[in-house]
């Protein structure tokens, strides 16, 4: 667990710890880095580290969460009347710019943390679910949203693992198709009902 800092100085120190861990991960596997190594790199006592984080996993989660919140900040700042295609293209563009983060996480076996934290991002800061899913109960809205986000992040991770070779417009078209049409439109033709 990482702590929410109340002062700018504390927030900057926390960010320094997270950034230093990430820089160390560029050279070493996450499992080979200890809190002691990190503190030595920072010339900081271990006790100071534990004011901000419960352990190195929490520092990594803080770093990833900060990167995810930068998408949320960008989204909020630029959000207006746009098409679904443009919304999703922006999502994929964001992740394409985070290729170094994805590569470092992948090398350390921590890539799935992006999925986990993406599902934990505050939904209300990103989407008006009442408007998007007006006919659903509140608990169902959130589950549908998480299902969609999980699918989008999965597509993005596959795209990353292939080296972003598929054109972004094609990946975006795929995501639009998945979000606007039933995943299995012809189940009734093979005898499976939707009830």
N, C-alpha and C. Protein backbone atom coordinates (compact mmCIF):
# COMPACT_ATOMS: atom_id res chain seq x y z
N UNK A 1 0.84 -1.17 0.00
CA UNK A 1 0.00 0.00 0.00
C UNK A 1 0.89 1.24 0.00
N UNK A 2 0.52 2.21 -0.81
CA UNK A 2 1.24 3.47 -0.77
C UNK A 2 0.31 4.51 -0.13
N UNK A 3 0.92 5.46 0.51
CA UNK A 3 0.15 6.44 1.27
C UNK A 3 -0.11 7.69 0.43
N UNK A 4 -1.23 8.32 0.67
CA UNK A 4 -1.55 9.58 0.01
C UNK A 4 -0.85 10.69 0.80
N UNK A 5 -0.02 11.43 0.13
CA UNK A 5 0.76 12.48 0.80
C UNK A 5 -0.07 13.76 0.94
N UNK A 6 0.12 14.44 2.06
CA UNK A 6 -0.65 15.66 2.33
C UNK A 6 0.09 16.92 1.96
N UNK A 7 1.41 16.85 1.86
CA UNK A 7 2.16 18.06 1.50
C UNK A 7 2.86 17.85 0.16
N UNK A 8 3.17 18.94 -0.49
CA UNK A 8 3.86 18.86 -1.78
C UNK A 8 5.25 18.24 -1.61
N UNK A 9 5.91 18.59 -0.52
CA UNK A 9 7.24 18.03 -0.26
C UNK A 9 7.18 16.51 -0.12
N UNK A 10 6.21 16.02 0.63
CA UNK A 10 6.05 14.57 0.79
C UNK A 10 5.71 13.90 -0.53
N UNK A 11 4.81 14.53 -1.29
CA UNK A 11 4.43 13.98 -2.59
C UNK A 11 5.63 13.92 -3.53
N UNK A 12 6.46 14.93 -3.50
CA UNK A 12 7.67 14.93 -4.34
C UNK A 12 8.65 13.86 -3.91
N UNK A 13 8.78 13.64 -2.61
CA UNK A 13 9.69 12.59 -2.12
C UNK A 13 9.15 11.21 -2.52
N UNK A 14 7.86 11.03 -2.39
CA UNK A 14 7.25 9.77 -2.79
C UNK A 14 7.48 9.52 -4.28
N UNK A 15 7.28 10.55 -5.08
CA UNK A 15 7.48 10.46 -6.52
C UNK A 15 8.94 10.12 -6.83
N UNK A 16 9.88 10.70 -6.09
CA UNK A 16 11.30 10.42 -6.27
C UNK A 16 11.59 8.94 -6.01
N UNK A 17 11.00 8.39 -4.96
CA UNK A 17 11.19 6.97 -4.65
C UNK A 17 10.65 6.11 -5.79
N UNK A 18 9.44 6.41 -6.25
CA UNK A 18 8.82 5.65 -7.34
C UNK A 18 9.66 5.73 -8.61
N UNK A 19 10.10 6.94 -8.95
CA UNK A 19 10.90 7.13 -10.17
C UNK A 19 12.24 6.41 -10.07
N UNK A 20 12.84 6.44 -8.90
CA UNK A 20 14.13 5.76 -8.71
C UNK A 20 13.96 4.25 -8.86
N UNK A 21 12.90 3.72 -8.30
CA UNK A 21 12.63 2.29 -8.47
C UNK A 21 12.48 1.96 -9.94
N UNK A 22 11.73 2.76 -10.66
CA UNK A 22 11.54 2.52 -12.08
C UNK A 22 12.87 2.58 -12.83
N UNK A 23 13.71 3.56 -12.51
CA UNK A 23 15.03 3.66 -13.16
C UNK A 23 15.88 2.43 -12.85
N UNK A 24 15.80 1.93 -11.63
CA UNK A 24 16.54 0.71 -11.27
C UNK A 24 16.00 -0.50 -12.04
N UNK A 25 14.69 -0.52 -12.27
CA UNK A 25 14.08 -1.64 -12.99
C UNK A 25 14.49 -1.66 -14.47
N UNK A 26 14.94 -0.54 -14.97
CA UNK A 26 15.41 -0.52 -16.36
C UNK A 26 16.69 -1.35 -16.50
N UNK A 27 17.41 -1.51 -15.38
CA UNK A 27 18.70 -2.23 -15.41
C UNK A 27 18.63 -3.60 -14.73
N UNK A 28 17.69 -3.76 -13.80
CA UNK A 28 17.60 -4.99 -13.02
C UNK A 28 16.16 -5.47 -12.94
N UNK A 29 16.01 -6.77 -12.77
CA UNK A 29 14.68 -7.36 -12.58
C UNK A 29 14.12 -6.88 -11.25
N UNK A 30 12.83 -6.65 -11.21
CA UNK A 30 12.16 -6.17 -10.00
C UNK A 30 12.49 -7.04 -8.80
N UNK A 31 12.47 -8.36 -8.98
CA UNK A 31 12.73 -9.28 -7.86
C UNK A 31 14.15 -9.16 -7.31
N UNK A 32 15.06 -8.64 -8.10
CA UNK A 32 16.45 -8.50 -7.67
C UNK A 32 16.73 -7.17 -6.98
N UNK A 33 15.73 -6.35 -6.84
CA UNK A 33 15.88 -5.05 -6.18
C UNK A 33 15.25 -5.15 -4.80
N UNK A 34 15.99 -4.75 -3.78
CA UNK A 34 15.46 -4.77 -2.42
C UNK A 34 15.17 -3.34 -1.97
N UNK A 35 14.41 -3.22 -0.91
CA UNK A 35 14.17 -1.89 -0.33
C UNK A 35 15.50 -1.28 0.10
N UNK A 36 16.39 -2.11 0.62
CA UNK A 36 17.72 -1.62 1.01
C UNK A 36 18.47 -1.07 -0.19
N UNK A 37 18.43 -1.78 -1.32
CA UNK A 37 19.07 -1.28 -2.56
C UNK A 37 18.50 0.07 -2.96
N UNK A 38 17.19 0.16 -2.90
CA UNK A 38 16.50 1.39 -3.29
C UNK A 38 16.90 2.55 -2.36
N UNK A 39 16.92 2.27 -1.07
CA UNK A 39 17.28 3.30 -0.09
C UNK A 39 18.74 3.73 -0.25
N UNK A 40 19.62 2.77 -0.55
CA UNK A 40 21.02 3.11 -0.78
C UNK A 40 21.16 4.00 -2.02
N UNK A 41 20.41 3.68 -3.06
CA UNK A 41 20.43 4.49 -4.29
C UNK A 41 19.96 5.92 -4.00
N UNK A 42 18.98 6.03 -3.13
CA UNK A 42 18.42 7.34 -2.79
C UNK A 42 19.17 8.05 -1.65
N UNK A 43 20.10 7.30 -1.01
CA UNK A 43 20.79 7.82 0.18
C UNK A 43 19.75 8.25 1.22
N UNK A 44 18.86 7.31 1.49
CA UNK A 44 17.72 7.55 2.38
C UNK A 44 17.63 6.40 3.38
N UNK A 45 17.35 6.69 4.64
CA UNK A 45 17.16 5.59 5.60
C UNK A 45 15.90 4.78 5.26
N UNK A 46 15.95 3.49 5.55
CA UNK A 46 14.81 2.61 5.28
C UNK A 46 13.54 3.13 5.96
N UNK A 47 13.71 3.66 7.14
CA UNK A 47 12.56 4.17 7.89
C UNK A 47 11.84 5.29 7.11
N UNK A 48 12.59 6.09 6.40
CA UNK A 48 11.98 7.15 5.58
C UNK A 48 11.18 6.54 4.44
N UNK A 49 11.71 5.48 3.82
CA UNK A 49 10.98 4.78 2.75
C UNK A 49 9.62 4.32 3.26
N UNK A 50 9.61 3.71 4.46
CA UNK A 50 8.38 3.13 5.00
C UNK A 50 7.37 4.19 5.46
N UNK A 51 7.74 5.44 5.46
CA UNK A 51 6.75 6.50 5.71
C UNK A 51 5.79 6.62 4.53
N UNK A 52 6.26 6.20 3.36
CA UNK A 52 5.48 6.38 2.13
C UNK A 52 4.91 5.07 1.59
N UNK A 53 5.60 3.98 1.82
CA UNK A 53 5.22 2.69 1.22
C UNK A 53 5.37 1.55 2.21
N UNK A 54 4.53 0.52 2.03
CA UNK A 54 4.63 -0.68 2.84
C UNK A 54 5.75 -1.60 2.35
N UNK A 55 6.16 -1.41 1.11
CA UNK A 55 7.21 -2.24 0.52
C UNK A 55 7.45 -1.80 -0.92
N UNK A 56 8.37 -2.50 -1.58
CA UNK A 56 8.71 -2.09 -2.95
C UNK A 56 7.55 -2.33 -3.92
N UNK A 57 6.71 -3.33 -3.66
CA UNK A 57 5.53 -3.55 -4.51
C UNK A 57 4.62 -2.33 -4.47
N UNK A 58 4.46 -1.76 -3.29
CA UNK A 58 3.61 -0.58 -3.16
C UNK A 58 4.22 0.61 -3.90
N UNK A 59 5.54 0.73 -3.88
CA UNK A 59 6.19 1.82 -4.63
C UNK A 59 5.95 1.64 -6.12
N UNK A 60 6.01 0.40 -6.60
CA UNK A 60 5.76 0.14 -8.02
C UNK A 60 4.30 0.45 -8.35
N UNK A 61 3.37 0.03 -7.48
CA UNK A 61 1.95 0.30 -7.72
C UNK A 61 1.70 1.82 -7.75
N UNK A 62 2.39 2.55 -6.88
CA UNK A 62 2.27 4.00 -6.88
C UNK A 62 2.73 4.60 -8.21
N UNK A 63 3.83 4.07 -8.72
CA UNK A 63 4.36 4.56 -10.00
C UNK A 63 3.38 4.29 -11.14
N UNK A 64 2.84 3.08 -11.18
CA UNK A 64 1.88 2.73 -12.23
C UNK A 64 0.62 3.57 -12.07
N UNK A 65 0.13 3.70 -10.84
CA UNK A 65 -1.10 4.48 -10.60
C UNK A 65 -0.90 5.94 -11.03
N UNK A 66 0.27 6.49 -10.78
CA UNK A 66 0.54 7.87 -11.19
C UNK A 66 0.50 7.99 -12.71
N UNK A 67 1.04 6.99 -13.41
CA UNK A 67 0.98 6.99 -14.87
C UNK A 67 -0.46 6.87 -15.36
N UNK A 68 -1.24 6.03 -14.72
CA UNK A 68 -2.66 5.90 -15.09
C UNK A 68 -3.41 7.20 -14.82
N UNK A 69 -3.08 7.85 -13.73
CA UNK A 69 -3.79 9.10 -13.44
C UNK A 69 -3.41 10.18 -14.44
N UNK A 70 -2.23 10.07 -15.05
CA UNK A 70 -1.88 11.05 -16.08
C UNK A 70 -2.80 10.88 -17.29
N UNK A 71 -3.24 9.66 -17.56
CA UNK A 71 -4.24 9.45 -18.63
C UNK A 71 -5.57 10.08 -18.21
N UNK A 72 -5.96 9.84 -16.98
CA UNK A 72 -7.20 10.40 -16.46
C UNK A 72 -7.18 11.92 -16.54
N UNK A 73 -6.04 12.53 -16.18
CA UNK A 73 -5.90 13.99 -16.24
C UNK A 73 -6.00 14.49 -17.68
N UNK A 74 -5.34 13.79 -18.60
CA UNK A 74 -5.40 14.16 -20.02
C UNK A 74 -6.82 14.03 -20.53
N UNK A 75 -7.46 12.94 -20.18
CA UNK A 75 -8.82 12.68 -20.63
C UNK A 75 -9.76 13.78 -20.15
N UNK A 76 -9.66 14.12 -18.87
CA UNK A 76 -10.53 15.15 -18.29
C UNK A 76 -10.28 16.50 -18.95
N UNK A 77 -9.02 16.82 -19.20
CA UNK A 77 -8.67 18.13 -19.77
C UNK A 77 -9.12 18.27 -21.22
N UNK A 78 -9.12 17.17 -21.96
CA UNK A 78 -9.42 17.26 -23.39
C UNK A 78 -10.81 16.75 -23.75
N UNK A 79 -11.53 16.26 -22.75
CA UNK A 79 -12.82 15.64 -23.03
C UNK A 79 -13.82 16.65 -23.59
N UNK A 80 -14.48 16.26 -24.62
CA UNK A 80 -15.51 17.08 -25.24
C UNK A 80 -16.38 16.17 -26.08
N UNK A 81 -17.09 16.71 -27.00
CA UNK A 81 -17.92 15.91 -27.88
C UNK A 81 -17.03 15.26 -28.94
N UNK A 82 -16.76 13.99 -28.77
CA UNK A 82 -15.92 13.26 -29.71
C UNK A 82 -16.60 11.94 -30.05
N UNK A 83 -16.13 11.33 -31.10
CA UNK A 83 -16.66 10.02 -31.49
C UNK A 83 -16.01 8.93 -30.64
N UNK A 84 -16.66 7.77 -30.62
CA UNK A 84 -16.09 6.63 -29.91
C UNK A 84 -14.73 6.28 -30.50
N UNK A 85 -14.62 6.36 -31.81
CA UNK A 85 -13.34 6.08 -32.46
C UNK A 85 -12.24 7.00 -31.91
N UNK A 86 -12.52 8.30 -31.82
CA UNK A 86 -11.52 9.26 -31.32
C UNK A 86 -11.20 9.00 -29.85
N UNK A 87 -12.20 8.66 -29.06
CA UNK A 87 -11.97 8.34 -27.64
C UNK A 87 -11.01 7.16 -27.51
N UNK A 88 -11.28 6.12 -28.28
CA UNK A 88 -10.45 4.91 -28.19
C UNK A 88 -9.08 5.13 -28.81
N UNK A 89 -9.02 5.91 -29.86
CA UNK A 89 -7.73 6.23 -30.47
C UNK A 89 -6.84 6.97 -29.45
N UNK A 90 -7.45 7.84 -28.67
CA UNK A 90 -6.70 8.56 -27.62
C UNK A 90 -6.17 7.58 -26.57
N UNK A 91 -6.99 6.60 -26.21
CA UNK A 91 -6.58 5.56 -25.25
C UNK A 91 -5.35 4.82 -25.77
N UNK A 92 -5.40 4.37 -27.03
CA UNK A 92 -4.27 3.63 -27.58
C UNK A 92 -3.04 4.52 -27.78
N UNK A 93 -3.26 5.76 -28.15
CA UNK A 93 -2.15 6.70 -28.29
C UNK A 93 -1.44 6.89 -26.95
N UNK A 94 -2.23 7.04 -25.89
CA UNK A 94 -1.64 7.18 -24.55
C UNK A 94 -0.72 6.01 -24.24
N UNK A 95 -1.21 4.79 -24.47
CA UNK A 95 -0.41 3.62 -24.11
C UNK A 95 0.79 3.45 -25.03
N UNK A 96 0.66 3.85 -26.27
CA UNK A 96 1.80 3.79 -27.18
C UNK A 96 2.94 4.68 -26.67
N UNK A 97 2.58 5.82 -26.06
CA UNK A 97 3.61 6.71 -25.51
C UNK A 97 4.21 6.14 -24.22
N UNK A 98 3.59 5.14 -23.65
CA UNK A 98 4.07 4.51 -22.40
C UNK A 98 4.78 3.19 -22.69
N UNK A 99 5.32 3.05 -23.89
CA UNK A 99 5.94 1.77 -24.26
C UNK A 99 7.12 1.41 -23.35
N UNK A 100 7.89 2.39 -22.92
CA UNK A 100 9.02 2.09 -22.03
C UNK A 100 8.52 1.52 -20.70
N UNK A 101 7.47 2.11 -20.16
CA UNK A 101 6.88 1.60 -18.92
C UNK A 101 6.43 0.16 -19.12
N UNK A 102 5.73 -0.11 -20.21
CA UNK A 102 5.24 -1.46 -20.49
C UNK A 102 6.39 -2.45 -20.66
N UNK A 103 7.45 -2.03 -21.35
CA UNK A 103 8.60 -2.91 -21.56
C UNK A 103 9.28 -3.27 -20.25
N UNK A 104 9.48 -2.28 -19.39
CA UNK A 104 10.14 -2.52 -18.10
C UNK A 104 9.27 -3.42 -17.23
N UNK A 105 7.98 -3.17 -17.19
CA UNK A 105 7.08 -4.02 -16.42
C UNK A 105 7.05 -5.44 -16.97
N UNK A 106 7.05 -5.58 -18.27
CA UNK A 106 7.04 -6.89 -18.90
C UNK A 106 8.29 -7.69 -18.54
N UNK A 107 9.44 -7.05 -18.60
CA UNK A 107 10.70 -7.73 -18.26
C UNK A 107 10.70 -8.24 -16.83
N UNK A 108 10.02 -7.55 -15.94
CA UNK A 108 9.98 -7.95 -14.53
C UNK A 108 8.74 -8.76 -14.17
N UNK A 109 7.97 -9.15 -15.17
CA UNK A 109 6.79 -9.96 -14.91
C UNK A 109 5.68 -9.20 -14.18
N UNK A 110 5.63 -7.90 -14.36
CA UNK A 110 4.65 -7.07 -13.65
C UNK A 110 3.66 -6.39 -14.59
N UNK A 111 3.58 -6.84 -15.83
CA UNK A 111 2.72 -6.20 -16.81
C UNK A 111 1.25 -6.29 -16.43
N UNK A 112 0.83 -7.36 -15.81
CA UNK A 112 -0.58 -7.51 -15.45
C UNK A 112 -1.02 -6.54 -14.37
N UNK A 113 -0.07 -5.91 -13.70
CA UNK A 113 -0.43 -4.89 -12.71
C UNK A 113 -1.12 -3.70 -13.40
N UNK A 114 -0.79 -3.47 -14.65
CA UNK A 114 -1.47 -2.41 -15.41
C UNK A 114 -2.95 -2.74 -15.52
N UNK A 115 -3.26 -4.00 -15.79
CA UNK A 115 -4.66 -4.43 -15.88
C UNK A 115 -5.34 -4.25 -14.53
N UNK A 116 -4.71 -4.75 -13.48
CA UNK A 116 -5.32 -4.67 -12.15
C UNK A 116 -5.60 -3.23 -11.74
N UNK A 117 -4.62 -2.37 -11.91
CA UNK A 117 -4.80 -0.98 -11.51
C UNK A 117 -5.75 -0.24 -12.44
N UNK A 118 -5.80 -0.61 -13.71
CA UNK A 118 -6.76 0.02 -14.64
C UNK A 118 -8.19 -0.24 -14.19
N UNK A 119 -8.42 -1.41 -13.65
CA UNK A 119 -9.76 -1.76 -13.18
C UNK A 119 -10.11 -1.04 -11.88
N UNK A 120 -9.09 -0.53 -11.18
CA UNK A 120 -9.33 0.17 -9.92
C UNK A 120 -9.44 1.68 -10.08
N UNK A 121 -9.13 2.20 -11.27
CA UNK A 121 -9.20 3.65 -11.48
C UNK A 121 -10.62 4.12 -11.22
N UNK A 122 -10.75 5.28 -10.61
CA UNK A 122 -12.06 5.83 -10.29
C UNK A 122 -12.90 5.99 -11.55
N UNK A 123 -13.97 5.25 -11.62
CA UNK A 123 -14.84 5.27 -12.79
C UNK A 123 -15.50 6.64 -12.96
N UNK A 124 -15.95 7.22 -11.86
CA UNK A 124 -16.69 8.47 -11.96
C UNK A 124 -15.85 9.62 -12.52
N UNK A 125 -14.53 9.51 -12.39
CA UNK A 125 -13.68 10.58 -12.92
C UNK A 125 -13.52 10.46 -14.44
N UNK A 126 -13.89 9.33 -15.00
CA UNK A 126 -13.67 9.10 -16.42
C UNK A 126 -14.95 9.11 -17.26
N UNK A 127 -16.02 8.55 -16.72
CA UNK A 127 -17.20 8.31 -17.54
C UNK A 127 -18.46 8.56 -16.72
N UNK A 128 -19.45 9.16 -17.34
CA UNK A 128 -20.76 9.31 -16.73
C UNK A 128 -21.54 8.03 -17.06
N UNK A 129 -21.50 7.07 -16.14
CA UNK A 129 -22.13 5.77 -16.40
C UNK A 129 -23.65 5.87 -16.50
N UNK A 130 -24.26 6.81 -15.78
CA UNK A 130 -25.71 6.99 -15.88
C UNK A 130 -26.10 7.32 -17.32
N UNK A 131 -25.29 8.16 -17.96
CA UNK A 131 -25.58 8.57 -19.34
C UNK A 131 -25.25 7.44 -20.32
N UNK A 132 -24.13 6.75 -20.05
CA UNK A 132 -23.66 5.71 -20.95
C UNK A 132 -24.54 4.46 -20.90
N UNK A 133 -25.00 4.10 -19.71
CA UNK A 133 -25.81 2.89 -19.53
C UNK A 133 -27.08 3.24 -18.74
N UNK A 134 -27.98 4.03 -19.32
CA UNK A 134 -29.13 4.53 -18.56
C UNK A 134 -30.12 3.46 -18.12
N UNK A 135 -30.17 2.33 -18.82
CA UNK A 135 -31.17 1.31 -18.52
C UNK A 135 -30.67 0.23 -17.57
N UNK A 136 -29.47 0.39 -17.04
CA UNK A 136 -28.89 -0.61 -16.15
C UNK A 136 -28.93 -0.15 -14.70
N UNK A 137 -28.99 -1.12 -13.78
CA UNK A 137 -28.86 -0.80 -12.35
C UNK A 137 -27.44 -0.32 -12.09
N UNK A 138 -27.27 0.45 -11.02
CA UNK A 138 -25.95 1.03 -10.72
C UNK A 138 -24.86 -0.04 -10.59
N UNK A 139 -25.14 -1.12 -9.87
CA UNK A 139 -24.12 -2.16 -9.69
C UNK A 139 -23.77 -2.83 -11.03
N UNK A 140 -24.76 -2.96 -11.91
CA UNK A 140 -24.53 -3.56 -13.22
C UNK A 140 -23.72 -2.62 -14.10
N UNK A 141 -23.96 -1.31 -14.01
CA UNK A 141 -23.21 -0.34 -14.80
C UNK A 141 -21.71 -0.48 -14.53
N UNK A 142 -21.37 -0.54 -13.27
CA UNK A 142 -19.96 -0.64 -12.91
C UNK A 142 -19.34 -1.93 -13.45
N UNK A 143 -20.06 -3.02 -13.38
CA UNK A 143 -19.53 -4.30 -13.87
C UNK A 143 -19.36 -4.28 -15.39
N UNK A 144 -20.32 -3.70 -16.08
CA UNK A 144 -20.22 -3.60 -17.54
C UNK A 144 -19.01 -2.74 -17.90
N UNK A 145 -18.86 -1.64 -17.18
CA UNK A 145 -17.72 -0.74 -17.43
C UNK A 145 -16.39 -1.48 -17.20
N UNK A 146 -16.29 -2.20 -16.09
CA UNK A 146 -15.04 -2.92 -15.79
C UNK A 146 -14.76 -4.00 -16.85
N UNK A 147 -15.82 -4.65 -17.33
CA UNK A 147 -15.68 -5.64 -18.39
C UNK A 147 -15.09 -4.98 -19.64
N UNK A 148 -15.63 -3.82 -19.98
CA UNK A 148 -15.15 -3.09 -21.17
C UNK A 148 -13.71 -2.64 -20.98
N UNK A 149 -13.37 -2.08 -19.82
CA UNK A 149 -12.00 -1.62 -19.56
C UNK A 149 -11.04 -2.80 -19.58
N UNK A 150 -11.43 -3.90 -18.96
CA UNK A 150 -10.58 -5.09 -18.98
C UNK A 150 -10.29 -5.55 -20.40
N UNK A 151 -11.31 -5.51 -21.25
CA UNK A 151 -11.13 -5.88 -22.66
C UNK A 151 -10.22 -4.92 -23.39
N UNK A 152 -10.41 -3.62 -23.16
CA UNK A 152 -9.56 -2.62 -23.83
C UNK A 152 -8.10 -2.76 -23.41
N UNK A 153 -7.88 -2.94 -22.10
CA UNK A 153 -6.51 -3.08 -21.62
C UNK A 153 -5.90 -4.36 -22.17
N UNK A 154 -6.69 -5.42 -22.26
CA UNK A 154 -6.20 -6.68 -22.83
C UNK A 154 -5.78 -6.50 -24.29
N UNK A 155 -6.60 -5.79 -25.07
CA UNK A 155 -6.26 -5.51 -26.47
C UNK A 155 -4.97 -4.69 -26.54
N UNK A 156 -4.88 -3.68 -25.65
CA UNK A 156 -3.69 -2.83 -25.63
C UNK A 156 -2.44 -3.64 -25.29
N UNK A 157 -2.55 -4.55 -24.31
CA UNK A 157 -1.39 -5.37 -23.93
C UNK A 157 -0.98 -6.30 -25.06
N UNK A 158 -1.95 -6.88 -25.77
CA UNK A 158 -1.62 -7.71 -26.94
C UNK A 158 -0.91 -6.87 -28.00
N UNK A 159 -1.42 -5.67 -28.23
CA UNK A 159 -0.83 -4.75 -29.21
C UNK A 159 0.60 -4.41 -28.82
N UNK A 160 0.82 -4.15 -27.54
CA UNK A 160 2.17 -3.88 -27.04
C UNK A 160 3.08 -5.10 -27.28
N UNK A 161 2.59 -6.29 -26.91
CA UNK A 161 3.42 -7.50 -27.02
C UNK A 161 3.79 -7.83 -28.46
N UNK A 162 2.98 -7.37 -29.42
CA UNK A 162 3.34 -7.57 -30.83
C UNK A 162 4.24 -6.45 -31.34
N UNK A 163 4.58 -5.51 -30.46
CA UNK A 163 5.47 -4.41 -30.84
C UNK A 163 4.75 -3.27 -31.54
N UNK A 164 3.45 -3.09 -31.24
CA UNK A 164 2.64 -2.02 -31.84
C UNK A 164 2.65 -2.09 -33.37
N UNK A 165 2.76 -3.32 -33.93
CA UNK A 165 2.85 -3.47 -35.39
C UNK A 165 1.55 -3.19 -36.11
N UNK A 166 0.43 -3.60 -35.53
CA UNK A 166 -0.86 -3.35 -36.16
C UNK A 166 -1.11 -1.85 -36.14
N UNK A 167 -1.53 -1.26 -37.25
CA UNK A 167 -1.80 0.18 -37.25
C UNK A 167 -2.82 0.56 -36.16
N UNK A 168 -2.56 1.69 -35.53
CA UNK A 168 -3.44 2.15 -34.44
C UNK A 168 -4.88 2.26 -34.90
N UNK A 169 -5.10 2.67 -36.14
CA UNK A 169 -6.48 2.80 -36.63
C UNK A 169 -7.16 1.43 -36.67
N UNK A 170 -6.42 0.37 -36.99
CA UNK A 170 -7.02 -0.98 -37.02
C UNK A 170 -7.34 -1.46 -35.61
N UNK A 171 -6.45 -1.20 -34.66
CA UNK A 171 -6.70 -1.59 -33.27
C UNK A 171 -7.91 -0.82 -32.75
N UNK A 172 -8.00 0.45 -33.10
CA UNK A 172 -9.12 1.27 -32.66
C UNK A 172 -10.42 0.76 -33.25
N UNK A 173 -10.41 0.40 -34.53
CA UNK A 173 -11.62 -0.15 -35.17
C UNK A 173 -12.06 -1.44 -34.47
N UNK A 174 -11.10 -2.28 -34.12
CA UNK A 174 -11.41 -3.52 -33.40
C UNK A 174 -12.08 -3.20 -32.06
N UNK A 175 -11.53 -2.25 -31.34
CA UNK A 175 -12.11 -1.87 -30.04
C UNK A 175 -13.51 -1.30 -30.20
N UNK A 176 -13.73 -0.48 -31.23
CA UNK A 176 -15.06 0.07 -31.49
C UNK A 176 -16.03 -1.07 -31.77
N UNK A 177 -15.63 -2.03 -32.58
CA UNK A 177 -16.50 -3.17 -32.90
C UNK A 177 -16.87 -3.94 -31.64
N UNK A 178 -15.89 -4.18 -30.78
CA UNK A 178 -16.14 -4.94 -29.56
C UNK A 178 -17.11 -4.20 -28.64
N UNK A 179 -16.98 -2.88 -28.59
CA UNK A 179 -17.83 -2.11 -27.68
C UNK A 179 -19.21 -1.80 -28.24
N UNK A 180 -19.39 -1.90 -29.54
CA UNK A 180 -20.68 -1.51 -30.11
C UNK A 180 -21.52 -2.67 -30.62
N UNK A 181 -20.95 -3.86 -30.72
CA UNK A 181 -21.71 -5.02 -31.19
C UNK A 181 -21.58 -6.15 -30.18
N UNK A 182 -22.56 -7.02 -30.11
CA UNK A 182 -22.44 -8.17 -29.20
C UNK A 182 -21.20 -8.99 -29.56
N UNK A 183 -20.48 -9.48 -28.56
CA UNK A 183 -19.27 -10.25 -28.86
C UNK A 183 -19.56 -11.50 -29.70
N UNK A 184 -20.72 -12.14 -29.46
CA UNK A 184 -21.09 -13.35 -30.20
C UNK A 184 -22.49 -13.15 -30.78
N UNK A 185 -22.59 -12.42 -31.89
CA UNK A 185 -23.92 -12.03 -32.40
C UNK A 185 -24.79 -13.16 -32.90
N UNK A 186 -24.23 -14.30 -33.22
CA UNK A 186 -25.06 -15.35 -33.82
C UNK A 186 -25.17 -16.59 -32.94
N UNK A 187 -25.21 -16.43 -31.63
CA UNK A 187 -25.36 -17.58 -30.75
C UNK A 187 -26.66 -18.34 -31.00
N UNK A 188 -27.73 -17.60 -31.29
CA UNK A 188 -29.03 -18.26 -31.51
C UNK A 188 -28.96 -19.20 -32.72
N UNK A 189 -28.08 -18.91 -33.67
CA UNK A 189 -27.96 -19.78 -34.87
C UNK A 189 -27.36 -21.14 -34.52
N UNK A 190 -26.68 -21.22 -33.38
CA UNK A 190 -26.12 -22.52 -32.98
C UNK A 190 -26.85 -23.09 -31.75
N UNK A 191 -28.02 -22.53 -31.46
CA UNK A 191 -28.86 -23.10 -30.42
C UNK A 191 -28.58 -22.62 -29.01
N UNK A 192 -27.89 -21.51 -28.86
CA UNK A 192 -27.62 -20.97 -27.52
C UNK A 192 -28.44 -19.71 -27.35
N UNK A 193 -29.28 -19.70 -26.28
CA UNK A 193 -30.10 -18.50 -26.06
C UNK A 193 -29.34 -17.55 -25.14
N UNK A 194 -29.76 -16.28 -25.11
CA UNK A 194 -29.09 -15.30 -24.27
C UNK A 194 -29.70 -15.19 -22.87
N UNK A 195 -30.62 -16.10 -22.55
CA UNK A 195 -31.25 -16.07 -21.23
C UNK A 195 -30.84 -17.27 -20.42
